[in-house]
């Protein structure tokens, strides 16, 4: 009786193990594909990110020089700094 039960369970256990392996392999393939897609998207965004960082550095330099001029007494620079402060933009000298 025990051998008959054991033989009857082998097929379902093998089938479950096979299904688990197939599902795991499929998910691993999907993750690898997603990783490759994300890497491609990141590579495509890099030029825009670098350009944005350069622009940010230029704006920071311009703002710092404007603050420096305002501190030195330049009336036009003072007006610009005052207007930017009214708009909520903080400008500081580096």
Protein backbone atom coordinates (compact mmCIF):
# COMPACT_ATOMS: atom_id res chain seq x y z
CA UNK A 1 0.00 0.00 0.00
CA UNK A 2 2.84 2.39 0.89
CA UNK A 3 4.64 1.83 -2.42
CA UNK A 4 1.42 2.55 -4.34
CA UNK A 5 1.01 5.92 -2.56
CA UNK A 6 4.65 6.77 -3.21
CA UNK A 7 4.34 6.00 -6.90
CA UNK A 8 1.13 8.04 -7.06
CA UNK A 9 2.82 11.13 -5.59
CA UNK A 10 5.95 11.11 -7.74
CA UNK A 11 4.29 12.54 -10.84
CA UNK A 12 2.58 15.49 -9.10
CA UNK A 13 5.76 16.36 -7.18
CA UNK A 14 7.84 16.26 -10.36
CA UNK A 15 5.22 18.36 -12.13
CA UNK A 16 5.22 20.96 -9.33
CA UNK A 17 9.03 21.11 -9.34
CA UNK A 18 9.07 21.52 -13.12
CA UNK A 19 6.45 24.27 -12.96
CA UNK A 20 8.43 26.06 -10.26
CA UNK A 21 11.59 25.86 -12.36
CA UNK A 22 9.83 27.19 -15.46
CA UNK A 23 8.27 30.09 -13.56
CA UNK A 24 11.60 30.97 -11.92
CA UNK A 25 13.45 30.84 -15.25
CA UNK A 26 10.80 33.02 -16.91
CA UNK A 27 10.97 35.61 -14.14
CA UNK A 28 14.76 35.66 -14.26
CA UNK A 29 14.64 36.26 -18.02
CA UNK A 30 12.12 39.07 -17.53
CA UNK A 31 14.31 40.71 -14.89
CA UNK A 32 17.36 40.53 -17.13
CA UNK A 33 15.38 42.09 -19.98
CA UNK A 34 14.13 44.86 -17.66
CA UNK A 35 17.67 45.50 -16.45
CA UNK A 36 18.90 45.88 -20.02
CA UNK A 37 16.02 48.23 -20.85
CA UNK A 38 16.70 50.37 -17.78
CA UNK A 39 20.40 50.56 -18.65
CA UNK A 40 19.51 51.72 -22.17
CA UNK A 41 17.13 54.35 -20.83
CA UNK A 42 19.74 55.60 -18.39
CA UNK A 43 22.35 55.81 -21.15
CA UNK A 44 19.92 57.77 -23.31
CA UNK A 45 19.31 60.25 -20.49
CA UNK A 46 22.97 60.88 -19.70
CA UNK A 47 23.55 63.65 -22.30
CA UNK A 48 20.51 65.55 -21.04
CA UNK A 49 21.62 65.10 -17.42
CA UNK A 50 25.12 66.36 -18.21
CA UNK A 51 23.72 69.34 -20.10
CA UNK A 52 21.41 70.12 -17.18
CA UNK A 53 24.31 69.98 -14.73
CA UNK A 54 26.36 72.34 -16.90
CA UNK A 55 23.42 74.75 -17.11
CA UNK A 56 22.92 74.58 -13.35
CA UNK A 57 26.60 75.38 -12.78
CA UNK A 58 26.38 78.35 -15.15
CA UNK A 59 23.25 79.66 -13.41
CA UNK A 60 24.87 79.27 -9.99
CA UNK A 61 27.89 81.20 -11.21
CA UNK A 62 25.70 83.92 -12.70
CA UNK A 63 23.66 84.21 -9.51
CA UNK A 64 26.78 84.34 -7.37
CA UNK A 65 28.28 87.08 -9.50
CA UNK A 66 25.03 89.03 -9.38
CA UNK A 67 25.00 88.82 -5.57
CA UNK A 68 28.65 89.89 -5.49
CA UNK A 69 27.83 92.92 -7.67
CA UNK A 70 24.83 93.77 -5.47
CA UNK A 71 27.02 93.61 -2.35
CA UNK A 72 29.54 95.88 -4.09
CA UNK A 73 26.81 98.51 -4.61
CA UNK A 74 25.63 97.91 -8.20
CA UNK A 75 22.03 99.20 -8.27
CA UNK A 76 20.91 96.98 -11.17
CA UNK A 77 22.24 93.88 -9.43
CA UNK A 78 20.48 94.90 -6.20
CA UNK A 79 17.18 95.17 -8.08
CA UNK A 80 17.67 91.75 -9.63
CA UNK A 81 18.47 90.17 -6.25
CA UNK A 82 15.46 91.89 -4.65
CA UNK A 83 13.13 90.70 -7.42
CA UNK A 84 14.46 87.15 -7.17
CA UNK A 85 13.92 87.19 -3.40
CA UNK A 86 10.32 88.34 -3.93
CA UNK A 87 9.85 85.35 -6.24
CA UNK A 88 11.26 83.04 -3.58
CA UNK A 89 14.57 82.35 -5.32
CA UNK A 90 17.51 82.30 -2.94
CA UNK A 91 20.72 83.62 -4.43
CA UNK A 92 23.97 83.35 -2.51
CA UNK A 93 27.53 84.35 -3.19
CA UNK A 94 29.99 81.48 -3.40
